Amino acid sequence: MLTLKQIYDDKAKVIAGLQKKHFANAAEAIDEVLRLDGERKAAQQSKDAAAAQMNQISKSIGALMAQGKREEAEAAKAQTGALKAQIAEFDQKMAAAEEAQTKLLLTIPNVPYDIVPEGAAAEDNLVVKSNVPHHGGDTVGTWVGEVNNDEAKLPHWELAKKYNLIDFDLGVKISGAGFPVYIGQGARLQRALINFFLAEANKAGYTEIMPPTVVNAASGYGTGQLPDKEGQMYHCEVDDLYLIPTAEVPVTNLYRDVILEEAQLPIKNCAYTECFRREAGSYGKDVRGLNRLHEFSKIEIVRIDTPEHSDASHKEMLEHVEGLLRKLELPYRILRLSGGDMSFTAALCYDFEVYSEAQHRWLEVSSTSNFDTYQANRLKCRYRRAEDKKVTLCHTLNGSALALPRIVAALLENNQCEEGIRIPKALQPFFGDDMIR
């Protein structure tokens, strides 16, 4: 969540940033945060004054008793009792103001960086890089040639049936829509991608974590899924646990209520997990096949860093994700998200999309974000600076590297040929073949 220092240092900038994110009543919300902080401070000052007066009177009681002034001593004792009751009231006022302030701050999103484009939706995102000619951004990367919008190209759900890779109907039978069953070569392709992504993360210096896939409410609040995305998470009500929407939640929460040493940073973790999302309200062609699932596999990369180095960390993460797409020989583009399309917690986010030649559309496969101190403030994730031993908030970052469903969709659709489905060279050692037949 936002820090009070952020707000006091530049209230106007905070409000302008929240408006860029299309947060309703930004000025009113920030004013209320400051009003509650003023209320808390006033109660603190009154408490301190009462405590000082009580201490002064308490010191006089012994002297009065020694002088035989018993009645005056008893009156002084009664006065300290009254002051003690006042202090308790001030404590209650402080706690109430702080609780209300924290509750409000939890509903206020992060402030986007200045380079975040203005805009209300995905249509306003800025294409900053592409390896596909004529699709926006600079033409870079190893993939060459025009995208092929051949009407004869089969969508992945038809290819999955043709080669017996994925059974969507069985998933409906067992669980419901959005829970596919991978079979034979389809399951092998999933496992190959998981192992390929983890191997690449290991080569890039990420330490692999195998976290739980259920978390408590404190973890959800720590990374910002609660209360913002409560309706989108699967909730195990009896135990008050949540199925994770991404490995970001358990992995980042490893550092909740932790003070790190500067020499430990940046921390680089990766994790493969299943992810669970209710996707309430999703419907239509965009949810067909693997396009939008309730359960899916994903490899996540997470970094904990210093404020001074987090921008460099973010760039390294972007290069890592881009390298994966190049090795998979997929047409891709990178977008800097507009204020209105960014997540609640992000200060800066880039999406990676791959092009589907059969569906004639771009499919998001990764979001890579810098959260600045927003998550760290919720988590109380801090580090001790080497220079002056001052304890300060870390920066947190994460990204998909990568989410499997739409990668699988693009691989199947873009690599279909008469002989079957071609497996990219980098993936062949993990898959054990050069073709799905």
Protein backbone atom coordinates (compact mmCIF):
# COMPACT_ATOMS: atom_id res chain seq x y z
CA MET A 1 0.00 0.00 0.00
CA LEU A 2 1.00 3.62 -0.33
CA THR A 3 3.21 5.01 2.41
CA LEU A 4 2.23 8.12 4.32
CA LYS A 5 5.61 9.60 3.36
CA GLN A 6 4.67 9.26 -0.33
CA ILE A 7 1.45 11.13 0.27
CA TYR A 8 2.93 13.88 2.45
CA ASP A 9 5.92 14.38 0.14
CA ASP A 10 3.82 15.00 -2.99
CA LYS A 11 0.09 14.74 -2.45
CA ALA A 12 -0.72 16.25 -5.86
CA LYS A 13 1.45 13.68 -7.68
CA VAL A 14 -0.18 10.80 -5.80
CA ILE A 15 -3.67 12.04 -6.68
CA ALA A 16 -2.69 12.57 -10.34
CA GLY A 17 -1.24 9.03 -10.44
CA LEU A 18 -4.40 7.52 -8.99
CA GLN A 19 -6.45 9.42 -11.55
CA LYS A 20 -4.23 7.97 -14.30
CA LYS A 21 -5.28 4.55 -12.96
CA HIS A 22 -8.90 5.71 -13.12
CA PHE A 23 -9.35 5.31 -9.38
CA ALA A 24 -12.61 6.99 -8.47
CA ASN A 25 -12.62 9.80 -5.90
CA ALA A 26 -8.82 9.84 -5.62
CA ALA A 27 -8.60 13.28 -4.02
CA GLU A 28 -11.32 12.49 -1.49
CA ALA A 29 -9.67 9.19 -0.53
CA ILE A 30 -6.25 10.78 -0.01
CA ASP A 31 -7.78 13.65 1.98
CA GLU A 32 -9.51 11.11 4.22
CA VAL A 33 -6.22 9.23 4.75
CA LEU A 34 -4.59 12.49 5.87
CA ARG A 35 -7.57 13.44 8.05
CA LEU A 36 -7.34 10.09 9.85
CA ASP A 37 -3.60 10.54 10.23
CA GLY A 38 -4.23 13.98 11.77
CA GLU A 39 -6.73 12.40 14.14
CA ARG A 40 -4.19 9.77 15.14
CA LYS A 41 -1.47 12.39 15.68
CA ALA A 42 -3.78 14.56 17.79
CA ALA A 43 -4.63 11.59 20.00
CA GLN A 44 -0.91 10.76 20.27
CA GLN A 45 -0.06 14.32 21.32
CA SER A 46 -2.85 14.34 23.92
CA LYS A 47 -1.68 10.99 25.22
CA ASP A 48 1.93 12.19 25.48
CA ALA A 49 0.85 15.33 27.34
CA ALA A 50 -1.30 13.31 29.77
CA ALA A 51 1.54 10.79 30.30
CA ALA A 52 4.02 13.59 31.04
CA GLN A 53 1.59 15.19 33.52
CA MET A 54 0.95 11.82 35.18
CA ASN A 55 4.68 11.16 35.56
CA GLN A 56 5.20 14.59 37.11
CA ILE A 57 2.35 14.09 39.60
CA SER A 58 3.51 10.55 40.42
CA LYS A 59 6.94 11.86 41.38
CA SER A 60 5.35 14.31 43.84
CA ILE A 61 3.31 11.70 45.70
CA GLY A 62 6.28 10.30 47.62
CA ALA A 63 7.40 13.76 48.69
CA LEU A 64 3.89 14.68 49.88
CA MET A 65 3.65 11.50 51.91
CA ALA A 66 7.07 12.19 53.48
CA GLN A 67 5.92 15.68 54.45
CA GLY A 68 2.83 14.22 56.08
CA LYS A 69 0.53 15.77 53.51
CA ARG A 70 -1.60 12.65 53.21
CA GLU A 71 -4.73 14.34 51.84
CA GLU A 72 -2.75 16.07 49.11
CA ALA A 73 -1.01 12.78 48.29
CA GLU A 74 -4.35 10.98 48.00
CA ALA A 75 -5.68 13.76 45.75
CA ALA A 76 -2.58 13.38 43.57
CA LYS A 77 -3.18 9.61 43.36
CA ALA A 78 -6.76 10.23 42.26
CA GLN A 79 -5.50 12.66 39.61
CA THR A 80 -3.06 10.08 38.23
CA GLY A 81 -5.89 7.56 38.09
CA ALA A 82 -7.98 9.97 36.04
CA LEU A 83 -5.04 10.66 33.72
CA LYS A 84 -4.46 6.92 33.29
CA ALA A 85 -8.09 6.55 32.18
CA GLN A 86 -7.62 9.44 29.73
CA ILE A 87 -4.49 7.78 28.31
CA ALA A 88 -6.47 4.58 27.74
CA GLU A 89 -9.09 6.60 25.84
CA PHE A 90 -6.41 8.25 23.71
CA ASP A 91 -4.95 4.79 22.95
CA GLN A 92 -8.37 3.67 21.74
CA LYS A 93 -8.73 6.77 19.55
CA MET A 94 -5.27 6.21 18.06
CA ALA A 95 -5.99 2.54 17.35
CA ALA A 96 -9.38 3.34 15.78
CA ALA A 97 -7.89 6.07 13.54
CA GLU A 98 -4.99 3.83 12.51
CA GLU A 99 -7.29 0.90 11.78
CA ALA A 100 -9.59 3.05 9.66
CA GLN A 101 -6.60 4.56 7.87
CA THR A 102 -5.08 1.14 7.07
CA LYS A 103 -8.44 -0.21 5.92
CA LEU A 104 -8.77 2.74 3.52
CA LEU A 105 -5.18 2.49 2.27
CA LEU A 106 -5.75 -1.18 1.40
CA THR A 107 -8.43 -0.08 -1.08
CA ILE A 108 -6.21 2.51 -2.81
CA PRO A 109 -4.09 1.21 -5.75
CA ASN A 110 -0.44 1.85 -6.41
CA VAL A 111 0.65 5.05 -8.15
CA PRO A 112 1.96 4.42 -11.69
CA TYR A 113 5.35 5.66 -12.83
CA ASP A 114 5.52 8.72 -15.07
CA ILE A 115 6.30 6.64 -18.20
CA VAL A 116 3.01 4.74 -17.89
CA PRO A 117 0.79 5.84 -20.82
CA GLU A 118 -2.53 7.55 -20.25
CA GLY A 119 -5.52 5.42 -21.14
CA ALA A 120 -8.54 3.57 -19.83
CA ALA A 121 -8.24 0.13 -21.44
CA ALA A 122 -6.09 -2.37 -23.37
CA GLU A 123 -6.58 -0.38 -26.57
CA ASP A 124 -4.48 2.39 -25.03
CA ASN A 125 -1.44 0.21 -24.30
CA LEU A 126 1.77 1.18 -26.07
CA VAL A 127 3.56 -1.37 -28.28
CA VAL A 128 7.25 -0.82 -27.51
CA LYS A 129 8.78 -3.80 -29.31
CA SER A 130 7.80 -6.48 -31.80
CA ASN A 131 9.52 -9.13 -33.87
CA VAL A 132 6.62 -9.16 -36.31
CA PRO A 133 6.77 -6.66 -39.20
CA HIS A 134 3.86 -4.23 -39.45
CA HIS A 135 2.52 -5.04 -35.98
CA GLY A 136 3.83 -2.00 -34.12
CA GLY A 137 7.07 -1.25 -32.33
CA ASP A 138 10.60 -1.97 -33.52
CA THR A 139 11.06 -5.12 -35.60
CA VAL A 140 13.58 -7.17 -33.65
CA GLY A 141 14.31 -10.72 -32.59
CA THR A 142 14.96 -14.02 -34.31
CA TRP A 143 11.48 -14.67 -35.74
CA VAL A 144 11.25 -13.43 -39.33
CA GLY A 145 8.54 -13.26 -41.94
CA GLU A 146 4.99 -12.04 -42.07
CA VAL A 147 2.37 -13.57 -39.83
CA ASN A 148 0.25 -15.99 -41.81
CA ASN A 149 -3.49 -15.52 -41.47
CA ASP A 150 -4.22 -18.61 -43.55
CA GLU A 151 -7.88 -19.52 -43.10
CA ALA A 152 -6.85 -23.21 -43.41
CA LYS A 153 -4.94 -23.01 -40.13
CA LEU A 154 -6.75 -24.97 -37.44
CA PRO A 155 -7.29 -23.43 -33.99
CA HIS A 156 -5.61 -25.23 -31.11
CA TRP A 157 -8.81 -26.80 -29.79
CA GLU A 158 -9.25 -28.62 -33.13
CA LEU A 159 -5.58 -29.60 -33.24
CA ALA A 160 -5.85 -30.90 -29.67
CA LYS A 161 -8.69 -33.17 -30.77
CA LYS A 162 -7.00 -34.22 -34.01
CA TYR A 163 -3.79 -35.35 -32.27
CA ASN A 164 -5.47 -36.40 -28.98
CA LEU A 165 -3.52 -33.85 -26.92
CA ILE A 166 -6.16 -32.21 -24.71
CA ASP A 167 -9.67 -33.34 -23.80
CA PHE A 168 -11.83 -30.39 -22.81
CA ASP A 169 -15.00 -32.50 -22.42
CA LEU A 170 -13.35 -34.80 -19.90
CA GLY A 171 -12.31 -31.74 -17.92
CA VAL A 172 -15.94 -30.59 -17.83
CA LYS A 173 -16.99 -34.07 -16.66
CA ILE A 174 -14.45 -34.13 -13.83
CA SER A 175 -14.46 -30.49 -12.72
CA GLY A 176 -16.23 -28.10 -15.07
CA ALA A 177 -15.42 -25.75 -17.93
CA GLY A 178 -11.92 -24.28 -17.77
CA PHE A 179 -10.23 -27.40 -16.37
CA PRO A 180 -8.72 -29.27 -19.36
CA VAL A 181 -7.23 -32.77 -19.26
CA TYR A 182 -3.86 -33.12 -21.01
CA ILE A 183 -3.22 -36.52 -22.59
CA GLY A 184 -0.18 -38.32 -24.04
CA GLN A 185 1.85 -35.94 -26.18
CA GLY A 186 -0.19 -33.03 -24.81
CA ALA A 187 0.89 -33.86 -21.25
CA ARG A 188 4.46 -34.37 -22.49
CA LEU A 189 4.41 -30.91 -24.14
CA GLN A 190 3.24 -29.36 -20.85
CA ARG A 191 6.02 -31.08 -18.91
CA ALA A 192 8.59 -30.13 -21.55
CA LEU A 193 7.65 -26.46 -21.34
CA ILE A 194 7.71 -26.49 -17.53
CA ASN A 195 11.18 -28.07 -17.48
CA PHE A 196 12.45 -25.76 -20.24
CA PHE A 197 11.27 -22.62 -18.44
CA LEU A 198 12.71 -23.79 -15.10
CA ALA A 199 16.03 -24.71 -16.73
CA GLU A 200 16.25 -21.27 -18.34
CA ALA A 201 15.42 -19.58 -15.03
CA ASN A 202 18.11 -21.62 -13.31
CA LYS A 203 20.67 -20.55 -15.93
CA ALA A 204 19.64 -16.92 -15.30
CA GLY A 205 20.42 -17.27 -11.59
CA TYR A 206 16.95 -17.81 -10.14
CA THR A 207 16.62 -20.10 -7.12
CA GLU A 208 13.73 -22.52 -7.55
CA ILE A 209 11.03 -22.56 -4.86
CA MET A 210 8.28 -25.16 -4.51
CA PRO A 211 5.65 -23.30 -2.46
CA PRO A 212 2.17 -24.30 -1.24
CA THR A 213 -0.68 -23.62 -3.65
CA VAL A 214 -3.00 -22.50 -0.85
CA VAL A 215 -2.33 -19.38 1.23
CA ASN A 216 -3.86 -17.64 4.21
CA ALA A 217 -5.59 -14.26 4.07
CA ALA A 218 -2.50 -12.45 5.40
CA SER A 219 -0.57 -13.60 2.31
CA GLY A 220 -3.35 -12.39 0.02
CA TYR A 221 -3.31 -8.98 1.69
CA GLY A 222 0.48 -8.90 1.58
CA THR A 223 0.73 -9.00 -2.22
CA GLY A 224 -2.51 -7.10 -2.88
CA GLN A 225 -4.86 -9.81 -4.15
CA LEU A 226 -7.02 -9.05 -1.10
CA PRO A 227 -9.23 -7.16 -0.83
CA ASP A 228 -9.02 -6.13 -4.52
CA LYS A 229 -9.43 -9.57 -6.18
CA GLU A 230 -11.31 -11.43 -3.46
CA GLY A 231 -14.15 -12.42 -5.82
CA GLN A 232 -11.69 -13.82 -8.37
CA MET A 233 -9.97 -16.21 -5.96
CA TYR A 234 -11.15 -19.67 -4.95
CA HIS A 235 -11.83 -19.54 -1.21
CA CYS A 236 -11.72 -22.61 1.07
CA GLU A 237 -14.15 -21.15 3.59
CA VAL A 238 -13.90 -23.78 6.36
CA ASP A 239 -10.15 -23.22 6.74
CA ASP A 240 -10.14 -19.62 5.45
CA LEU A 241 -7.50 -20.43 2.85
CA TYR A 242 -7.25 -19.32 -0.78
CA LEU A 243 -6.06 -21.20 -3.87
CA ILE A 244 -3.25 -19.14 -5.37
CA PRO A 245 -3.92 -17.16 -8.58
CA THR A 246 -0.13 -17.06 -9.19
CA ALA A 247 3.09 -18.18 -7.49
CA GLU A 248 3.79 -14.50 -6.88
CA VAL A 249 1.64 -14.75 -3.74
CA PRO A 250 3.41 -17.50 -1.77
CA VAL A 251 6.92 -16.71 -3.06
CA THR A 252 6.78 -12.97 -2.30
CA ASN A 253 5.24 -13.73 1.10
CA LEU A 254 8.36 -15.69 2.04
CA TYR A 255 9.75 -12.23 2.86
CA ARG A 256 6.77 -10.92 4.86
CA ASP A 257 7.88 -9.39 8.20
CA VAL A 258 11.54 -9.92 7.27
CA ILE A 259 14.48 -7.53 7.46
CA LEU A 260 17.11 -8.47 4.86
CA GLU A 261 20.70 -7.30 4.62
CA GLU A 262 21.56 -5.19 1.57
CA ALA A 263 24.22 -7.74 0.58
CA GLN A 264 21.45 -10.34 0.09
CA LEU A 265 19.78 -8.28 -2.63
CA PRO A 266 18.64 -8.74 -5.28
CA ILE A 267 16.91 -11.98 -4.31
CA LYS A 268 15.90 -13.95 -7.41
CA ASN A 269 13.35 -16.76 -7.05
CA CYS A 270 11.34 -18.80 -9.53
CA ALA A 271 8.54 -21.29 -9.01
CA TYR A 272 6.37 -23.64 -11.03
CA THR A 273 2.83 -23.96 -9.68
CA GLU A 274 -0.68 -24.60 -10.77
CA CYS A 275 -2.70 -21.35 -10.68
CA PHE A 276 -6.40 -21.00 -9.97
CA ARG A 277 -8.67 -18.16 -11.08
CA ARG A 278 -12.45 -17.97 -11.03
CA GLU A 279 -12.46 -15.61 -14.04
CA ALA A 280 -15.96 -14.52 -13.06
CA GLY A 281 -17.77 -12.74 -15.87
CA SER A 282 -15.55 -14.13 -18.66
CA TYR A 283 -17.45 -15.39 -21.69
CA GLY A 284 -17.41 -15.51 -25.49
CA LYS A 285 -14.79 -16.44 -28.05
CA ASP A 286 -11.92 -15.20 -25.88
CA VAL A 287 -12.43 -18.07 -23.42
CA ARG A 288 -12.51 -20.92 -25.93
CA GLY A 289 -10.02 -23.75 -25.58
CA LEU A 290 -6.90 -22.72 -23.67
CA ASN A 291 -7.48 -18.98 -24.02
CA ARG A 292 -8.85 -18.53 -20.48
CA LEU A 293 -8.80 -21.28 -17.85
CA HIS A 294 -9.69 -21.71 -14.20
CA GLU A 295 -6.60 -23.87 -13.59
CA PHE A 296 -3.33 -23.59 -15.49
CA SER A 297 0.42 -24.10 -15.14
CA LYS A 298 2.81 -21.19 -14.86
CA ILE A 299 6.42 -20.47 -14.01
CA GLU A 300 6.83 -17.22 -12.08
CA ILE A 301 9.98 -15.19 -11.49
CA VAL A 302 10.09 -12.96 -8.39
CA ARG A 303 12.67 -10.43 -7.28
CA ILE A 304 13.25 -8.52 -4.05
CA ASP A 305 15.56 -5.58 -4.63
CA THR A 306 16.76 -2.16 -3.50
CA PRO A 307 15.01 0.95 -4.86
CA GLU A 308 18.22 1.97 -6.63
CA HIS A 309 18.52 -1.31 -8.57
CA SER A 310 14.89 -2.30 -9.18
CA ASP A 311 14.71 -0.61 -12.59
CA ALA A 312 17.72 -2.61 -13.78
CA SER A 313 16.14 -5.76 -12.33
CA HIS A 314 12.94 -5.08 -14.24
CA LYS A 315 14.85 -4.71 -17.51
CA GLU A 316 16.70 -7.98 -16.86
CA MET A 317 13.38 -9.73 -16.26
CA LEU A 318 11.98 -8.36 -19.51
CA GLU A 319 15.06 -9.58 -21.39
CA HIS A 320 14.66 -13.02 -19.80
CA VAL A 321 11.03 -13.37 -20.88
CA GLU A 322 11.82 -12.07 -24.36
CA GLY A 323 14.65 -14.61 -24.62
CA LEU A 324 12.21 -17.45 -23.91
CA LEU A 325 9.90 -16.35 -26.70
CA ARG A 326 12.80 -16.04 -29.12
CA LYS A 327 13.96 -19.57 -28.30
CA LEU A 328 10.41 -20.84 -28.84
CA GLU A 329 10.51 -19.09 -32.26
CA LEU A 330 7.17 -17.38 -31.67
CA PRO A 331 5.98 -14.05 -33.10
CA TYR A 332 5.69 -11.70 -30.13
CA ARG A 333 5.28 -8.10 -29.11
CA ILE A 334 5.84 -6.18 -25.87
CA LEU A 335 3.38 -3.60 -24.57
CA ARG A 336 3.73 -0.98 -21.86
CA LEU A 337 0.35 -1.01 -20.16
CA SER A 338 -1.71 2.14 -19.82
CA GLY A 339 -2.83 3.39 -16.43
CA GLY A 340 -6.35 2.03 -16.85
CA ASP A 341 -5.19 -1.47 -17.87
CA MET A 342 -2.59 -1.98 -15.14
CA SER A 343 -3.08 -4.18 -12.12
CA PHE A 344 -4.09 -2.72 -8.76
CA THR A 345 -0.60 -3.18 -7.29
CA ALA A 346 1.76 -2.40 -10.19
CA ALA A 347 3.69 0.85 -10.67
CA LEU A 348 4.91 -0.24 -14.11
CA CYS A 349 3.89 -3.27 -16.17
CA TYR A 350 4.84 -4.75 -19.53
CA ASP A 351 2.78 -7.46 -21.21
CA PHE A 352 4.16 -9.98 -23.67
CA GLU A 353 1.79 -11.25 -26.34
CA VAL A 354 2.26 -13.98 -28.96
CA TYR A 355 0.44 -14.00 -32.25
CA SER A 356 -2.01 -16.80 -33.05
CA GLU A 357 -2.05 -17.48 -36.76
CA ALA A 358 -5.24 -19.55 -36.53
CA GLN A 359 -7.23 -17.19 -34.32
CA HIS A 360 -5.78 -14.06 -35.97
CA ARG A 361 -5.25 -12.38 -32.61
CA TRP A 362 -2.65 -11.60 -29.99
CA LEU A 363 -2.58 -13.75 -26.84
CA GLU A 364 -1.13 -12.44 -23.57
CA VAL A 365 1.46 -14.84 -22.13
CA SER A 366 3.28 -12.73 -19.53
CA SER A 367 2.92 -9.67 -17.34
CA THR A 368 6.17 -8.40 -15.84
CA SER A 369 5.75 -5.74 -13.16
CA ASN A 370 7.62 -3.47 -10.78
CA PHE A 371 5.58 -2.76 -7.64
CA ASP A 372 8.00 -0.23 -6.14
CA THR A 373 7.44 -0.24 -2.32
CA TYR A 374 3.69 -0.93 -2.59
CA GLN A 375 3.76 -4.66 -1.80
CA ALA A 376 6.75 -4.31 0.52
CA ASN A 377 4.85 -1.82 2.68
CA ARG A 378 1.98 -4.30 3.04
CA LEU A 379 4.41 -7.15 3.69
CA LYS A 380 6.75 -5.17 5.96
CA CYS A 381 9.54 -6.48 3.70
CA ARG A 382 12.57 -4.35 4.50
CA TYR A 383 16.34 -4.32 4.22
CA ARG A 384 19.18 -2.83 6.25
CA ARG A 385 21.37 -0.52 4.20
CA ALA A 386 25.08 -1.34 4.39
CA GLU A 387 26.17 2.30 4.46
CA ASP A 388 24.20 3.67 7.40
CA LYS A 389 22.34 0.60 8.79
CA LYS A 390 19.04 2.35 8.14
CA VAL A 391 16.11 -0.05 7.70
CA THR A 392 13.96 0.81 4.67
CA LEU A 393 11.39 -0.79 2.38
CA CYS A 394 12.44 -3.08 -0.46
CA HIS A 395 11.09 -3.04 -3.99
CA THR A 396 9.29 -6.16 -5.25
CA LEU A 397 8.98 -7.35 -8.85
CA ASN A 398 7.54 -10.38 -10.62
CA GLY A 399 6.71 -11.77 -14.02
CA SER A 400 5.35 -14.81 -15.81
CA ALA A 401 8.16 -16.79 -17.40
CA LEU A 402 5.90 -18.14 -18.75
CA ALA A 403 2.20 -19.01 -18.47
CA LEU A 404 1.62 -22.23 -20.39
CA PRO A 405 -1.92 -22.29 -21.85
CA ARG A 406 -1.56 -19.60 -24.51
CA ILE A 407 2.04 -20.61 -25.23
CA VAL A 408 0.73 -24.11 -25.98
CA ALA A 409 -2.06 -22.61 -28.12
CA ALA A 410 0.42 -20.53 -30.14
CA LEU A 411 2.90 -23.40 -30.52
CA LEU A 412 0.19 -25.72 -31.85
CA GLU A 413 -1.42 -23.17 -34.17
CA ASN A 414 1.75 -21.55 -35.55
CA ASN A 415 3.73 -24.76 -36.07
CA GLN A 416 1.13 -27.01 -37.73
CA CYS A 417 2.20 -28.56 -41.00
CA GLU A 418 1.36 -31.57 -43.16
CA GLU A 419 3.54 -33.91 -41.08
CA GLY A 420 2.10 -32.79 -37.74
CA ILE A 421 3.12 -30.03 -35.36
CA ARG A 422 6.74 -28.93 -35.35
CA ILE A 423 8.50 -28.62 -31.98
CA PRO A 424 10.93 -25.64 -31.70
CA LYS A 425 14.57 -26.69 -31.59
CA ALA A 426 15.17 -25.36 -28.05
CA LEU A 427 12.26 -27.43 -26.75
CA GLN A 428 13.12 -30.70 -28.50
CA PRO A 429 15.55 -32.02 -25.81
CA PHE A 430 12.79 -31.59 -23.21
CA PHE A 431 10.01 -33.01 -25.40
CA GLY A 432 12.09 -35.88 -26.77
CA ASP A 433 11.07 -35.42 -30.41
CA ASP A 434 10.99 -32.80 -33.16
CA MET A 435 7.33 -33.29 -34.05
CA ILE A 436 3.89 -34.08 -32.68
CA ARG A 437 2.46 -36.70 -35.03
